[in-house]
C-alpha atoms as a PDB file:
ATOM      1  CA  MET A   1     -34.847 -53.371 -33.194  1.00  0.00           C
ATOM      2  CA  LYS A   2     -35.255 -51.083 -36.192  1.00  0.00           C
ATOM      3  CA  SER A   3     -34.031 -47.501 -35.787  1.00  0.00           C
ATOM      4  CA  GLN A   4     -36.566 -44.662 -35.966  1.00  0.00           C
ATOM      5  CA  VAL A   5     -35.381 -41.808 -38.192  1.00  0.00           C
ATOM      6  CA  LEU A   6     -36.799 -38.313 -37.894  1.00  0.00           C
ATOM      7  CA  ASP A   7     -39.186 -37.556 -40.777  1.00  0.00           C
ATOM      8  CA  VAL A   8     -37.749 -34.724 -42.911  1.00  0.00           C
ATOM      9  CA  VAL A   9     -39.823 -35.246 -46.072  1.00  0.00           C
ATOM     10  CA  CYS A  10     -41.009 -31.916 -47.560  1.00  0.00           C
ATOM     11  CA  LEU A  11     -38.460 -29.860 -45.632  1.00  0.00           C
ATOM     12  CA  PRO A  12     -35.920 -27.701 -47.471  1.00  0.00           C
ATOM     13  CA  VAL A  13     -32.767 -29.795 -47.927  1.00  0.00           C
ATOM     14  CA  ASP A  14     -30.581 -27.516 -45.784  1.00  0.00           C
ATOM     15  CA  VAL A  15     -33.020 -27.766 -42.853  1.00  0.00           C
ATOM     16  CA  ALA A  16     -33.399 -31.532 -43.311  1.00  0.00           C
ATOM     17  CA  LYS A  17     -29.620 -32.062 -43.316  1.00  0.00           C
ATOM     18  CA  LYS A  18     -29.207 -29.971 -40.169  1.00  0.00           C
ATOM     19  CA  VAL A  19     -31.954 -31.874 -38.311  1.00  0.00           C
ATOM     20  CA  LEU A  20     -30.563 -35.282 -39.253  1.00  0.00           C
ATOM     21  CA  GLU A  21     -26.924 -34.376 -38.606  1.00  0.00           C
ATOM     22  CA  GLU A  22     -27.791 -32.936 -35.188  1.00  0.00           C
ATOM     23  CA  ALA A  23     -29.524 -36.257 -34.427  1.00  0.00           C
ATOM     24  CA  GLY A  24     -26.276 -38.071 -35.236  1.00  0.00           C
ATOM     25  CA  TYR A  25     -26.957 -39.276 -38.788  1.00  0.00           C
ATOM     26  CA  GLN A  26     -24.684 -39.091 -41.795  1.00  0.00           C
ATOM     27  CA  VAL A  27     -26.726 -37.683 -44.693  1.00  0.00           C
ATOM     28  CA  VAL A  28     -26.370 -38.752 -48.322  1.00  0.00           C
ATOM     29  CA  VAL A  29     -28.102 -36.323 -50.719  1.00  0.00           C
ATOM     30  CA  ARG A  30     -29.309 -37.531 -54.113  1.00  0.00           C
ATOM     31  CA  THR A  31     -30.997 -35.312 -56.670  1.00  0.00           C
ATOM     32  CA  THR A  32     -33.809 -36.022 -59.081  1.00  0.00           C
ATOM     33  CA  GLY A  33     -35.730 -34.097 -61.722  1.00  0.00           C
ATOM     34  CA  THR A  34     -34.626 -31.971 -64.617  1.00  0.00           C
ATOM     35  CA  SER A  35     -35.004 -28.560 -62.997  1.00  0.00           C
ATOM     36  CA  TRP A  36     -31.945 -28.411 -60.755  1.00  0.00           C
ATOM     37  CA  GLU A  37     -31.556 -24.652 -61.023  1.00  0.00           C
ATOM     38  CA  GLY A  38     -29.173 -22.880 -58.681  1.00  0.00           C
ATOM     39  CA  GLY A  39     -31.721 -20.311 -57.495  1.00  0.00           C
ATOM     40  CA  LYS A  40     -34.612 -22.653 -56.761  1.00  0.00           C
ATOM     41  CA  ARG A  41     -35.224 -24.010 -53.273  1.00  0.00           C
ATOM     42  CA  LYS A  42     -34.638 -27.742 -52.951  1.00  0.00           C
ATOM     43  CA  ARG A  43     -36.994 -29.960 -50.922  1.00  0.00           C
ATOM     44  CA  VAL A  44     -36.756 -33.528 -49.675  1.00  0.00           C
ATOM     45  CA  LEU A  45     -39.071 -35.844 -51.629  1.00  0.00           C
ATOM     46  CA  ARG A  46     -38.039 -39.140 -50.070  1.00  0.00           C
ATOM     47  CA  GLN A  47     -35.821 -40.514 -47.347  1.00  0.00           C
ATOM     48  CA  ARG A  48     -34.587 -43.952 -46.381  1.00  0.00           C
ATOM     49  CA  LEU A  49     -32.240 -45.515 -43.890  1.00  0.00           C
ATOM     50  CA  LEU A  50     -29.135 -46.881 -45.626  1.00  0.00           C
ATOM     51  CA  ALA A  51     -27.296 -48.062 -42.530  1.00  0.00           C
ATOM     52  CA  GLU A  52     -27.745 -47.717 -38.789  1.00  0.00           C
ATOM     53  CA  ARG A  53     -26.662 -44.036 -38.713  1.00  0.00           C
ATOM     54  CA  GLN A  54     -26.816 -43.154 -42.430  1.00  0.00           C
ATOM     55  CA  VAL A  55     -29.845 -41.652 -44.173  1.00  0.00           C
ATOM     56  CA  GLU A  56     -30.342 -41.000 -47.874  1.00  0.00           C
ATOM     57  CA  VAL A  57     -32.550 -38.070 -48.876  1.00  0.00           C
ATOM     58  CA  VAL A  58     -33.772 -37.535 -52.441  1.00  0.00           C
ATOM     59  CA  VAL A  59     -34.265 -33.869 -53.269  1.00  0.00           C
ATOM     60  CA  ALA A  60     -35.606 -31.857 -56.181  1.00  0.00           C
ATOM     61  CA  ALA A  61     -35.884 -28.180 -57.020  1.00  0.00           C
ATOM     62  CA  GLU A  62     -39.284 -26.570 -56.622  1.00  0.00           C
ATOM     63  CA  TYR A  63     -41.014 -25.657 -59.866  1.00  0.00           C
ATOM     64  CA  TYR A  64     -42.543 -22.426 -58.670  1.00  0.00           C
ATOM     65  CA  ASP A  65     -41.619 -19.261 -56.813  1.00  0.00           C
ATOM     66  CA  ASP A  66     -43.386 -19.137 -53.465  1.00  0.00           C
ATOM     67  CA  PRO A  67     -44.963 -15.660 -53.135  1.00  0.00           C
ATOM     68  CA  ALA A  68     -44.736 -15.945 -49.342  1.00  0.00           C
ATOM     69  CA  LEU A  69     -40.947 -15.815 -49.650  1.00  0.00           C
ATOM     70  CA  GLU A  70     -41.181 -12.508 -51.505  1.00  0.00           C
ATOM     71  CA  ILE A  71     -42.917 -10.586 -48.685  1.00  0.00           C
ATOM     72  CA  GLY A  72     -40.674  -7.830 -47.497  1.00  0.00           C
ATOM     73  CA  LYS A  73     -38.698  -7.699 -50.742  1.00  0.00           C
ATOM     74  CA  GLY A  74     -39.355  -4.734 -52.989  1.00  0.00           C
ATOM     75  CA  GLU A  75     -42.880  -3.332 -52.923  1.00  0.00           C
ATOM     76  CA  ASP A  76     -45.161  -3.754 -49.923  1.00  0.00           C
ATOM     77  CA  LEU A  77     -48.360  -5.653 -50.639  1.00  0.00           C
END
């Protein structure tokens, strides 16, 4: 019987890793794209089961700054 892995596509990589690790999976993170900037949030683009309890997630940095993340910083809107 094939194992069902929790779907973490589109989640921030830190959240995705936490969810999968808490479910008992070892997580292998691979990066893609040319914009791997330190300050940008990274999101999971793809995931696949490598072994019974090992999941690979492919992540990339977002290309934009989400204005929703800026609420509460600096000036009030």
